[in-house]
Amino acid sequence: MGVYLDSKTAYTLYKSETEKPYFVDKTRILTELFPLVRTGNNHICITRPRRFGKTVMANMIAAFFSNAFDSRDIFRSLQIAEDKEFDRYCNQFSVIHISFNELGRGYTSYKQYIGRIEKRLVKDLMKKISPCSI
């Protein structure tokens, strides 16, 4: 698994959220994304005010759709499991997941940081396309 492509990070972070005592199940929003996935929409923008759970939402989306790790253990006990299309979409796609919450250690500009992300993403994609070439 890569750093950005098919990473286990979103799964790990979202699973830890579901184990907190005040977790609120917002998985029904995933059903709003099913038609977009079905039609091949490549870009989904989720905006919310500061401190309204964008990172948790992004982790939930990545953990649900990504085929990097079987996340059914998390979602089977949540509302999304009741949807008739649960099995059709859960863990069925390669997902690129990048968090821009913090500037990486050792970087003094976002330009340097973005350059690092680009290099690692290309490496992840090359591994996926041709596992023997790297």
N, C-alpha and C. Protein backbone atom coordinates (compact mmCIF):
# COMPACT_ATOMS: atom_id res chain seq x y z
N MET A 1 0.83 -1.18 0.00
CA MET A 1 0.00 0.00 0.00
C MET A 1 0.87 1.24 0.00
N GLY A 2 0.39 2.27 -0.65
CA GLY A 2 1.17 3.48 -0.79
C GLY A 2 0.96 4.48 0.32
N VAL A 3 1.65 5.57 0.19
CA VAL A 3 1.51 6.67 1.15
C VAL A 3 0.20 7.41 0.90
N TYR A 4 -0.13 7.63 -0.39
CA TYR A 4 -1.34 8.37 -0.74
C TYR A 4 -2.37 7.52 -1.47
N LEU A 5 -1.90 6.62 -2.33
CA LEU A 5 -2.81 5.75 -3.07
C LEU A 5 -3.02 4.46 -2.28
N ASP A 6 -4.27 4.15 -2.01
CA ASP A 6 -4.63 2.94 -1.27
C ASP A 6 -3.91 2.83 0.07
N SER A 7 -3.87 3.92 0.78
CA SER A 7 -3.24 3.96 2.10
C SER A 7 -4.22 3.45 3.16
N LYS A 8 -3.69 2.90 4.21
CA LYS A 8 -4.52 2.42 5.33
C LYS A 8 -4.83 3.54 6.32
N THR A 9 -4.25 4.71 6.13
CA THR A 9 -4.36 5.82 7.08
C THR A 9 -5.81 6.20 7.37
N ALA A 10 -6.62 6.41 6.32
CA ALA A 10 -8.01 6.84 6.52
C ALA A 10 -8.78 5.81 7.33
N TYR A 11 -8.57 4.53 7.03
CA TYR A 11 -9.23 3.46 7.78
C TYR A 11 -8.87 3.54 9.26
N THR A 12 -7.59 3.66 9.55
CA THR A 12 -7.12 3.70 10.94
C THR A 12 -7.70 4.90 11.68
N LEU A 13 -7.66 6.07 11.04
CA LEU A 13 -8.16 7.28 11.69
C LEU A 13 -9.68 7.24 11.89
N TYR A 14 -10.41 6.75 10.88
CA TYR A 14 -11.86 6.71 11.03
C TYR A 14 -12.28 5.65 12.06
N LYS A 15 -11.61 4.53 12.07
CA LYS A 15 -11.93 3.50 13.06
C LYS A 15 -11.76 4.06 14.48
N SER A 16 -10.69 4.82 14.71
CA SER A 16 -10.48 5.39 16.05
C SER A 16 -11.59 6.39 16.39
N GLU A 17 -12.11 7.10 15.39
CA GLU A 17 -13.23 8.02 15.64
C GLU A 17 -14.47 7.26 16.08
N THR A 18 -14.74 6.12 15.44
CA THR A 18 -15.95 5.35 15.76
C THR A 18 -15.91 4.76 17.16
N GLU A 19 -14.73 4.67 17.72
CA GLU A 19 -14.57 4.08 19.06
C GLU A 19 -14.64 5.11 20.18
N LYS A 20 -14.78 6.38 19.82
CA LYS A 20 -14.87 7.44 20.84
C LYS A 20 -16.27 7.44 21.46
N PRO A 21 -16.38 7.86 22.71
CA PRO A 21 -17.67 7.78 23.40
C PRO A 21 -18.77 8.68 22.80
N TYR A 22 -18.40 9.76 22.13
CA TYR A 22 -19.40 10.68 21.59
C TYR A 22 -19.44 10.66 20.07
N PHE A 23 -19.16 9.52 19.49
CA PHE A 23 -19.20 9.37 18.04
C PHE A 23 -20.63 9.51 17.53
N VAL A 24 -20.79 10.29 16.45
CA VAL A 24 -22.09 10.45 15.80
C VAL A 24 -22.00 9.82 14.41
N ASP A 25 -22.88 8.88 14.14
CA ASP A 25 -22.89 8.16 12.88
C ASP A 25 -23.46 9.06 11.78
N LYS A 26 -22.60 9.47 10.85
CA LYS A 26 -23.01 10.29 9.72
C LYS A 26 -22.82 9.54 8.40
N THR A 27 -22.82 8.23 8.47
CA THR A 27 -22.51 7.43 7.29
C THR A 27 -23.60 7.49 6.21
N ARG A 28 -24.79 7.91 6.54
CA ARG A 28 -25.85 7.99 5.52
C ARG A 28 -25.48 8.96 4.40
N ILE A 29 -24.60 9.91 4.70
CA ILE A 29 -24.17 10.84 3.65
C ILE A 29 -23.47 10.10 2.51
N LEU A 30 -22.92 8.95 2.78
CA LEU A 30 -22.26 8.16 1.74
C LEU A 30 -23.23 7.81 0.61
N THR A 31 -24.51 7.61 0.94
CA THR A 31 -25.49 7.28 -0.09
C THR A 31 -25.66 8.42 -1.08
N GLU A 32 -25.37 9.65 -0.65
CA GLU A 32 -25.44 10.81 -1.55
C GLU A 32 -24.30 10.75 -2.58
N LEU A 33 -23.24 10.04 -2.25
CA LEU A 33 -22.09 9.94 -3.15
C LEU A 33 -22.24 8.79 -4.16
N PHE A 34 -23.09 7.82 -3.86
CA PHE A 34 -23.24 6.66 -4.74
C PHE A 34 -23.57 7.06 -6.19
N PRO A 35 -24.54 7.96 -6.41
CA PRO A 35 -24.83 8.35 -7.81
C PRO A 35 -23.63 9.02 -8.49
N LEU A 36 -22.86 9.78 -7.74
CA LEU A 36 -21.68 10.43 -8.31
C LEU A 36 -20.64 9.39 -8.72
N VAL A 37 -20.45 8.39 -7.88
CA VAL A 37 -19.50 7.32 -8.19
C VAL A 37 -20.00 6.52 -9.39
N ARG A 38 -21.29 6.25 -9.40
CA ARG A 38 -21.90 5.46 -10.49
C ARG A 38 -21.72 6.15 -11.85
N THR A 39 -21.82 7.47 -11.88
CA THR A 39 -21.70 8.19 -13.14
C THR A 39 -20.26 8.57 -13.48
N GLY A 40 -19.33 8.20 -12.62
CA GLY A 40 -17.92 8.46 -12.92
C GLY A 40 -17.46 9.86 -12.58
N ASN A 41 -18.15 10.52 -11.68
CA ASN A 41 -17.72 11.86 -11.26
C ASN A 41 -16.37 11.74 -10.56
N ASN A 42 -15.38 12.42 -11.06
CA ASN A 42 -14.02 12.30 -10.54
C ASN A 42 -13.71 13.23 -9.38
N HIS A 43 -14.50 14.25 -9.19
CA HIS A 43 -14.18 15.24 -8.17
C HIS A 43 -15.39 15.49 -7.28
N ILE A 44 -15.16 15.41 -6.01
CA ILE A 44 -16.21 15.70 -5.03
C ILE A 44 -15.63 16.70 -4.05
N CYS A 45 -16.30 17.82 -3.88
CA CYS A 45 -15.82 18.85 -2.96
C CYS A 45 -16.78 18.94 -1.78
N ILE A 46 -16.24 18.75 -0.60
CA ILE A 46 -17.04 18.85 0.62
C ILE A 46 -16.52 20.04 1.40
N THR A 47 -17.35 21.03 1.56
CA THR A 47 -16.95 22.22 2.30
C THR A 47 -17.81 22.36 3.55
N ARG A 48 -17.19 22.82 4.60
CA ARG A 48 -17.87 23.08 5.86
C ARG A 48 -17.05 24.13 6.59
N PRO A 49 -17.65 24.81 7.54
CA PRO A 49 -16.87 25.78 8.32
C PRO A 49 -15.78 25.08 9.14
N ARG A 50 -14.87 25.86 9.61
CA ARG A 50 -13.78 25.37 10.44
C ARG A 50 -14.34 24.61 11.66
N ARG A 51 -13.72 23.48 11.98
CA ARG A 51 -14.06 22.65 13.14
C ARG A 51 -15.42 21.94 12.98
N PHE A 52 -15.86 21.67 11.75
CA PHE A 52 -17.13 20.99 11.52
C PHE A 52 -16.95 19.58 10.95
N GLY A 53 -15.79 19.00 11.12
CA GLY A 53 -15.60 17.59 10.80
C GLY A 53 -15.21 17.24 9.38
N LYS A 54 -14.57 18.14 8.66
CA LYS A 54 -14.16 17.82 7.29
C LYS A 54 -13.17 16.67 7.24
N THR A 55 -12.23 16.64 8.16
CA THR A 55 -11.22 15.58 8.16
C THR A 55 -11.86 14.24 8.49
N VAL A 56 -12.73 14.21 9.47
CA VAL A 56 -13.43 12.96 9.82
C VAL A 56 -14.27 12.50 8.63
N MET A 57 -14.94 13.44 7.95
CA MET A 57 -15.75 13.10 6.78
C MET A 57 -14.87 12.54 5.66
N ALA A 58 -13.74 13.17 5.40
CA ALA A 58 -12.83 12.68 4.35
C ALA A 58 -12.30 11.30 4.70
N ASN A 59 -11.97 11.07 5.96
CA ASN A 59 -11.50 9.75 6.38
C ASN A 59 -12.59 8.70 6.23
N MET A 60 -13.83 9.07 6.56
CA MET A 60 -14.95 8.15 6.41
C MET A 60 -15.13 7.76 4.95
N ILE A 61 -15.10 8.74 4.06
CA ILE A 61 -15.29 8.49 2.63
C ILE A 61 -14.18 7.59 2.10
N ALA A 62 -12.94 7.92 2.43
CA ALA A 62 -11.81 7.12 1.96
C ALA A 62 -11.85 5.71 2.53
N ALA A 63 -12.15 5.59 3.82
CA ALA A 63 -12.20 4.26 4.45
C ALA A 63 -13.31 3.41 3.84
N PHE A 64 -14.42 4.02 3.50
CA PHE A 64 -15.54 3.27 2.95
C PHE A 64 -15.27 2.79 1.52
N PHE A 65 -14.84 3.68 0.67
CA PHE A 65 -14.68 3.34 -0.75
C PHE A 65 -13.38 2.61 -1.06
N SER A 66 -12.33 2.83 -0.30
CA SER A 66 -11.01 2.29 -0.63
C SER A 66 -10.94 0.77 -0.53
N ASN A 67 -10.27 0.20 -1.52
CA ASN A 67 -10.04 -1.24 -1.51
C ASN A 67 -8.70 -1.59 -0.86
N ALA A 68 -8.08 -0.61 -0.20
CA ALA A 68 -6.79 -0.83 0.44
C ALA A 68 -6.90 -1.75 1.65
N PHE A 69 -8.05 -1.74 2.30
CA PHE A 69 -8.22 -2.52 3.51
C PHE A 69 -9.71 -2.83 3.67
N ASP A 70 -10.05 -3.97 4.17
CA ASP A 70 -11.45 -4.33 4.37
C ASP A 70 -12.01 -3.57 5.58
N SER A 71 -12.83 -2.58 5.30
CA SER A 71 -13.37 -1.74 6.37
C SER A 71 -14.78 -2.14 6.78
N ARG A 72 -15.24 -3.27 6.32
CA ARG A 72 -16.60 -3.71 6.68
C ARG A 72 -16.77 -3.87 8.19
N ASP A 73 -15.66 -4.16 8.88
CA ASP A 73 -15.74 -4.29 10.33
C ASP A 73 -16.21 -3.00 10.99
N ILE A 74 -15.89 -1.87 10.40
CA ILE A 74 -16.34 -0.58 10.92
C ILE A 74 -17.78 -0.32 10.49
N PHE A 75 -18.05 -0.45 9.20
CA PHE A 75 -19.30 0.03 8.63
C PHE A 75 -20.49 -0.91 8.83
N ARG A 76 -20.25 -2.18 9.09
CA ARG A 76 -21.38 -3.11 9.27
C ARG A 76 -22.27 -2.74 10.46
N SER A 77 -21.72 -2.07 11.45
CA SER A 77 -22.52 -1.69 12.62
C SER A 77 -23.06 -0.26 12.53
N LEU A 78 -22.83 0.39 11.39
CA LEU A 78 -23.29 1.78 11.22
C LEU A 78 -24.47 1.84 10.24
N GLN A 79 -25.11 3.00 10.15
CA GLN A 79 -26.32 3.16 9.35
C GLN A 79 -26.15 2.79 7.88
N ILE A 80 -24.98 3.04 7.32
CA ILE A 80 -24.76 2.78 5.89
C ILE A 80 -24.95 1.31 5.55
N ALA A 81 -24.73 0.43 6.48
CA ALA A 81 -24.87 -1.01 6.23
C ALA A 81 -26.31 -1.39 5.88
N GLU A 82 -27.26 -0.55 6.25
CA GLU A 82 -28.68 -0.82 5.95
C GLU A 82 -29.02 -0.52 4.49
N ASP A 83 -28.17 0.22 3.81
CA ASP A 83 -28.44 0.59 2.42
C ASP A 83 -28.26 -0.63 1.50
N LYS A 84 -29.17 -0.79 0.56
CA LYS A 84 -29.12 -1.96 -0.33
C LYS A 84 -27.89 -1.97 -1.23
N GLU A 85 -27.23 -0.83 -1.40
CA GLU A 85 -26.04 -0.76 -2.25
C GLU A 85 -24.73 -0.80 -1.46
N PHE A 86 -24.83 -1.11 -0.19
CA PHE A 86 -23.65 -1.16 0.67
C PHE A 86 -22.53 -2.01 0.07
N ASP A 87 -22.84 -3.25 -0.28
CA ASP A 87 -21.83 -4.17 -0.80
C ASP A 87 -21.32 -3.76 -2.18
N ARG A 88 -22.13 -3.07 -2.93
CA ARG A 88 -21.72 -2.64 -4.28
C ARG A 88 -20.58 -1.60 -4.22
N TYR A 89 -20.55 -0.78 -3.16
CA TYR A 89 -19.59 0.32 -3.10
C TYR A 89 -18.51 0.18 -2.03
N CYS A 90 -18.78 -0.56 -0.98
CA CYS A 90 -17.82 -0.65 0.12
C CYS A 90 -16.56 -1.39 -0.34
N ASN A 91 -15.42 -0.72 -0.20
CA ASN A 91 -14.10 -1.29 -0.52
C ASN A 91 -13.95 -1.71 -1.97
N GLN A 92 -14.47 -0.92 -2.89
CA GLN A 92 -14.44 -1.31 -4.30
C GLN A 92 -13.52 -0.46 -5.18
N PHE A 93 -12.85 0.56 -4.62
CA PHE A 93 -12.11 1.50 -5.47
C PHE A 93 -10.73 1.82 -4.92
N SER A 94 -9.84 2.19 -5.82
CA SER A 94 -8.57 2.76 -5.39
C SER A 94 -8.84 4.22 -5.03
N VAL A 95 -8.29 4.66 -3.93
CA VAL A 95 -8.55 6.02 -3.43
C VAL A 95 -7.23 6.73 -3.17
N ILE A 96 -7.17 7.97 -3.63
CA ILE A 96 -6.04 8.83 -3.30
C ILE A 96 -6.50 9.69 -2.13
N HIS A 97 -5.77 9.61 -1.02
CA HIS A 97 -6.14 10.34 0.19
C HIS A 97 -4.95 11.17 0.65
N ILE A 98 -5.11 12.50 0.59
CA ILE A 98 -4.04 13.41 0.98
C ILE A 98 -4.60 14.39 1.99
N SER A 99 -3.94 14.52 3.12
CA SER A 99 -4.32 15.51 4.12
C SER A 99 -3.36 16.69 4.05
N PHE A 100 -3.91 17.87 4.02
CA PHE A 100 -3.09 19.09 3.98
C PHE A 100 -3.15 19.83 5.32
N ASN A 101 -3.45 19.10 6.38
CA ASN A 101 -3.58 19.73 7.70
C ASN A 101 -2.28 20.30 8.24
N GLU A 102 -1.18 19.65 7.93
CA GLU A 102 0.10 20.09 8.47
C GLU A 102 1.15 20.12 7.37
N LEU A 103 2.03 21.07 7.45
CA LEU A 103 3.18 21.10 6.55
C LEU A 103 4.15 20.03 7.04
N GLY A 104 4.62 19.18 6.13
CA GLY A 104 5.51 18.10 6.52
C GLY A 104 6.77 18.59 7.20
N ARG A 105 7.30 17.75 8.06
CA ARG A 105 8.53 18.07 8.79
C ARG A 105 9.68 18.32 7.81
N GLY A 106 10.45 19.36 8.04
CA GLY A 106 11.59 19.64 7.20
C GLY A 106 11.27 20.49 5.97
N TYR A 107 10.03 20.90 5.82
CA TYR A 107 9.64 21.71 4.66
C TYR A 107 9.34 23.13 5.13
N THR A 108 9.83 24.08 4.37
CA THR A 108 9.64 25.48 4.73
C THR A 108 8.62 26.19 3.86
N SER A 109 8.13 25.49 2.84
CA SER A 109 7.12 26.09 1.98
C SER A 109 6.15 25.01 1.50
N TYR A 110 4.96 25.44 1.13
CA TYR A 110 4.00 24.49 0.58
C TYR A 110 4.45 23.99 -0.79
N LYS A 111 5.22 24.79 -1.53
CA LYS A 111 5.74 24.36 -2.82
C LYS A 111 6.62 23.12 -2.65
N GLN A 112 7.50 23.13 -1.66
CA GLN A 112 8.35 21.96 -1.37
C GLN A 112 7.48 20.76 -0.97
N TYR A 113 6.51 21.03 -0.10
CA TYR A 113 5.63 19.98 0.40
C TYR A 113 4.82 19.34 -0.74
N ILE A 114 4.27 20.16 -1.63
CA ILE A 114 3.51 19.65 -2.77
C ILE A 114 4.42 18.83 -3.68
N GLY A 115 5.66 19.28 -3.86
CA GLY A 115 6.62 18.52 -4.66
C GLY A 115 6.84 17.13 -4.10
N ARG A 116 6.93 17.03 -2.77
CA ARG A 116 7.10 15.73 -2.12
C ARG A 116 5.87 14.85 -2.35
N ILE A 117 4.70 15.45 -2.23
CA ILE A 117 3.46 14.70 -2.44
C ILE A 117 3.41 14.18 -3.88
N GLU A 118 3.75 15.03 -4.83
CA GLU A 118 3.74 14.61 -6.23
C GLU A 118 4.68 13.42 -6.46
N LYS A 119 5.89 13.48 -5.91
CA LYS A 119 6.85 12.39 -6.09
C LYS A 119 6.34 11.09 -5.48
N ARG A 120 5.79 11.19 -4.27
CA ARG A 120 5.30 9.97 -3.62
C ARG A 120 4.06 9.41 -4.31
N LEU A 121 3.22 10.29 -4.83
CA LEU A 121 2.03 9.83 -5.54
C LEU A 121 2.41 9.13 -6.84
N VAL A 122 3.37 9.68 -7.55
CA VAL A 122 3.86 9.02 -8.77
C VAL A 122 4.43 7.65 -8.43
N LYS A 123 5.18 7.56 -7.34
CA LYS A 123 5.74 6.28 -6.91
C LYS A 123 4.63 5.27 -6.59
N ASP A 124 3.58 5.74 -5.87
CA ASP A 124 2.44 4.87 -5.55
C ASP A 124 1.76 4.38 -6.83
N LEU A 125 1.55 5.29 -7.78
CA LEU A 125 0.89 4.93 -9.03
C LEU A 125 1.73 3.95 -9.85
N MET A 126 3.03 4.16 -9.86
CA MET A 126 3.92 3.24 -10.58
C MET A 126 3.87 1.84 -9.97
N LYS A 127 3.83 1.76 -8.65
CA LYS A 127 3.71 0.44 -7.99
C LYS A 127 2.41 -0.25 -8.38
N LYS A 128 1.34 0.53 -8.44
CA LYS A 128 0.03 -0.03 -8.76
C LYS A 128 -0.03 -0.50 -10.21
N ILE A 129 0.56 0.28 -11.11
CA ILE A 129 0.52 -0.05 -12.52
C ILE A 129 1.46 -1.20 -12.84
N SER A 130 2.65 -1.18 -12.29
CA SER A 130 3.65 -2.18 -12.61
C SER A 130 4.42 -2.57 -11.35
N PRO A 131 3.89 -3.50 -10.57
CA PRO A 131 4.52 -3.88 -9.30
C PRO A 131 5.97 -4.35 -9.44
N CYS A 132 6.35 -4.89 -10.57
CA CYS A 132 7.70 -5.42 -10.73
C CYS A 132 8.70 -4.35 -11.15
N SER A 133 8.23 -3.17 -11.57
CA SER A 133 9.14 -2.17 -12.11
C SER A 133 9.82 -1.31 -11.06
N ILE A 134 9.39 -1.40 -9.81
CA ILE A 134 10.00 -0.55 -8.78
C ILE A 134 10.71 -1.40 -7.75
